[in-house]
Amino acid sequence: MTSSNNSSLDSTLIPASWNSGSLISSIILGLCCVLGLPGNIGVLVVILRRSSRRLNFTLCLMLNLASSDILCLAMVPVWIYNILYDWTLGHAVCKLATFLLYLSLCSNVLTVTLLGVHRYLQVLYPQMWNRLGRKGEVVLLLALWGLACALTSPTVATRDVVDGGLHCQQHKGSDAERVAVLVLQTLLGFVVPFSVLVTSYCRLHRRVNQTALFSSAKMTRLVTSVVVAFFIHWIPVHIVNVVDIAYIVLGASLPESSIPLPCQRSTAARIARCFLFFNCCLDPFLYAFASRRIREQPKSSSSGENRMNMPLGL
């Protein structure tokens, strides 16, 4: 009698959607929000308070990165709600939340990529970058957010309240539409930015290392951490994308072969999303605080050495 009452009570208090996977992913996302928001807000405060003069472009990118991370982490409670409960906020909020989340993620990727390109041009081709001018830098930042909006649009267009209004997620659509969105996300959201990032830093390191003025130990560690962190945090979600593409393609040509693929897909997708949010939590420590430590090392008598020793142009 007691066990049946307890079972009835548990089923009343604990929603059916709550399972170990959803609870663990929600806890991880909550921790990322609690740790990441203060860190990124701290970056904003430190940069703005310590920069009495006009901000240089790298500091603007740092502010841009922190702002996109804050926007992303601010959406965490919405997605925890989406994981644990049935979606009751309507179609408009689903679209808006999706737009803000993916806008922040796209802006994050583009900002990190631009940090690498800017550092490469600033050190090796400073005159070329200086010709851009202040107005050109403003246009570049506006173009970054415009491109982020453009990259976000396909995802927003294919996301809606599905399963009878239970979840805010990607709707089925046609196979061609789903594959196109997934391929676009993987190519423009990972393959191209990661290739540009690695190429910029590798060429920068090779060229600067040839000079006798450059001591590369600390910068090498920072650059390596930037590239490795980008790869580790973004590759899981794109592996899930590749699996989804394989499932769609195999489902059309070899239906029997595609049956096992969705079994663990939901769990894998939740883990991949946790990596993305953890990346936003790690950014202030990886970029701002690490850059500050290296910047505060004893200054060299050579202005050229000073410029090369400052990571990411700070």
Foldseek 3Di string as FASTA:
>chain_A
DVVVVVVVVCPVPADPLDDPLLVVLLVLLVVLLVQQQVLLVVLVVVLVVPPPDDDDLLSVLSNQLSVLLNLQSVLSVVVNCQRRWFADPFWVVLLVSLLSNQLSLQLNLLSLLVLLVCLLCCLPPVVVVVVCPPVNSVVVNVVSSVVSNVLSVLLSVQWGQDPVRGHTGGDDPDLVSLLVNLVSCPVSVPVVSLVSNVVSVVVSCVVVVVDPLEDCPLLVVLSVCSSVLSCVLQVLQNVLSVLVNVLSVCCVVPVVVNVVSVPCSVSSNSVSVSSSSNSSSCVSVSPVVSLVVQLPDDDDPDPSHNQNSRHSRD
